[in-house]
Amino acid sequence: MRLTIAAVLAVSVCCLGLTACEPHKRTFGEKVRDTIDPPQGPVEKAGRSIDRATGN
């Protein structure tokens, strides 16, 4: 019985981590900015992605 409960708890913890990850969908303003002023290279592109992910 304890093994079953431990297994269920382990699966629950793993699934909670996966449900927190959702893809970021760009807003209309972000799409316009990327069209008018596209990122210049991979570093700027990564910087924009990080800024959008953190909400800054």
C-alpha atoms as a PDB file:
ATOM      1  CA  MET A   1       0.000   0.000   0.000  1.00  0.00           C
ATOM      2  CA  ARG A   2       2.812   2.432   0.861  1.00  0.00           C
ATOM      3  CA  LEU A   3       4.553   1.644  -2.421  1.00  0.00           C
ATOM      4  CA  THR A   4       1.403   2.488  -4.376  1.00  0.00           C
ATOM      5  CA  ILE A   5       0.954   5.780  -2.550  1.00  0.00           C
ATOM      6  CA  ALA A   6       4.604   6.676  -3.082  1.00  0.00           C
ATOM      7  CA  ALA A   7       4.311   5.876  -6.794  1.00  0.00           C
ATOM      8  CA  VAL A   8       1.180   8.013  -7.152  1.00  0.00           C
ATOM      9  CA  LEU A   9       2.851  10.920  -5.362  1.00  0.00           C
ATOM     10  CA  ALA A  10       5.950  10.630  -7.556  1.00  0.00           C
ATOM     11  CA  VAL A  11       3.871  10.684 -10.735  1.00  0.00           C
ATOM     12  CA  SER A  12       1.864  13.639  -9.420  1.00  0.00           C
ATOM     13  CA  VAL A  13       4.993  15.673  -8.736  1.00  0.00           C
ATOM     14  CA  CYS A  14       6.362  14.917 -12.204  1.00  0.00           C
ATOM     15  CA  CYS A  15       3.105  15.918 -13.870  1.00  0.00           C
ATOM     16  CA  LEU A  16       2.879  19.187 -11.951  1.00  0.00           C
ATOM     17  CA  GLY A  17       6.230  20.230 -13.356  1.00  0.00           C
ATOM     18  CA  LEU A  18       5.077  19.524 -16.883  1.00  0.00           C
ATOM     19  CA  THR A  19       1.800  21.411 -16.572  1.00  0.00           C
ATOM     20  CA  ALA A  20       3.642  24.579 -15.558  1.00  0.00           C
ATOM     21  CA  CYS A  21       5.353  24.684 -18.967  1.00  0.00           C
ATOM     22  CA  GLU A  22       3.271  26.272 -21.640  1.00  0.00           C
ATOM     23  CA  PRO A  23       4.469  27.829 -24.857  1.00  0.00           C
ATOM     24  CA  HIS A  24       4.536  31.620 -24.941  1.00  0.00           C
ATOM     25  CA  LYS A  25       2.285  33.058 -27.621  1.00  0.00           C
ATOM     26  CA  ARG A  26       3.374  36.414 -28.955  1.00  0.00           C
ATOM     27  CA  THR A  27       0.958  39.288 -28.570  1.00  0.00           C
ATOM     28  CA  PHE A  28      -0.045  41.547 -31.424  1.00  0.00           C
ATOM     29  CA  GLY A  29       2.390  44.238 -30.263  1.00  0.00           C
ATOM     30  CA  GLU A  30       5.263  41.766 -30.120  1.00  0.00           C
ATOM     31  CA  LYS A  31       4.496  40.574 -33.642  1.00  0.00           C
ATOM     32  CA  VAL A  32       4.440  44.162 -34.919  1.00  0.00           C
ATOM     33  CA  ARG A  33       7.749  44.958 -33.212  1.00  0.00           C
ATOM     34  CA  ASP A  34       9.353  41.835 -34.691  1.00  0.00           C
ATOM     35  CA  THR A  35       8.084  42.813 -38.140  1.00  0.00           C
ATOM     36  CA  ILE A  36       9.138  46.467 -38.005  1.00  0.00           C
ATOM     37  CA  ASP A  37      12.362  45.982 -36.010  1.00  0.00           C
ATOM     38  CA  PRO A  38      13.474  42.350 -36.385  1.00  0.00           C
ATOM     39  CA  PRO A  39      16.139  41.071 -33.986  1.00  0.00           C
ATOM     40  CA  GLN A  40      19.664  41.431 -35.348  1.00  0.00           C
ATOM     41  CA  GLY A  41      21.231  38.053 -34.723  1.00  0.00           C
ATOM     42  CA  PRO A  42      20.755  35.198 -32.294  1.00  0.00           C
ATOM     43  CA  VAL A  43      21.847  37.144 -29.191  1.00  0.00           C
ATOM     44  CA  GLU A  44      19.198  39.838 -29.596  1.00  0.00           C
ATOM     45  CA  LYS A  45      16.589  37.208 -30.463  1.00  0.00           C
ATOM     46  CA  ALA A  46      17.427  35.293 -27.271  1.00  0.00           C
ATOM     47  CA  GLY A  47      17.325  38.522 -25.273  1.00  0.00           C
ATOM     48  CA  ARG A  48      13.838  39.342 -26.504  1.00  0.00           C
ATOM     49  CA  SER A  49      12.673  35.823 -25.706  1.00  0.00           C
ATOM     50  CA  ILE A  50      14.030  36.094 -22.171  1.00  0.00           C
ATOM     51  CA  ASP A  51      12.461  39.522 -21.668  1.00  0.00           C
ATOM     52  CA  ARG A  52       9.086  38.253 -22.829  1.00  0.00           C
ATOM     53  CA  ALA A  53       9.313  35.131 -20.688  1.00  0.00           C
ATOM     54  CA  THR A  54      10.117  37.107 -17.555  1.00  0.00           C
ATOM     55  CA  GLY A  55       7.578  39.821 -18.320  1.00  0.00           C
ATOM     56  CA  ASN A  56      10.051  42.722 -18.460  1.00  0.00           C
END
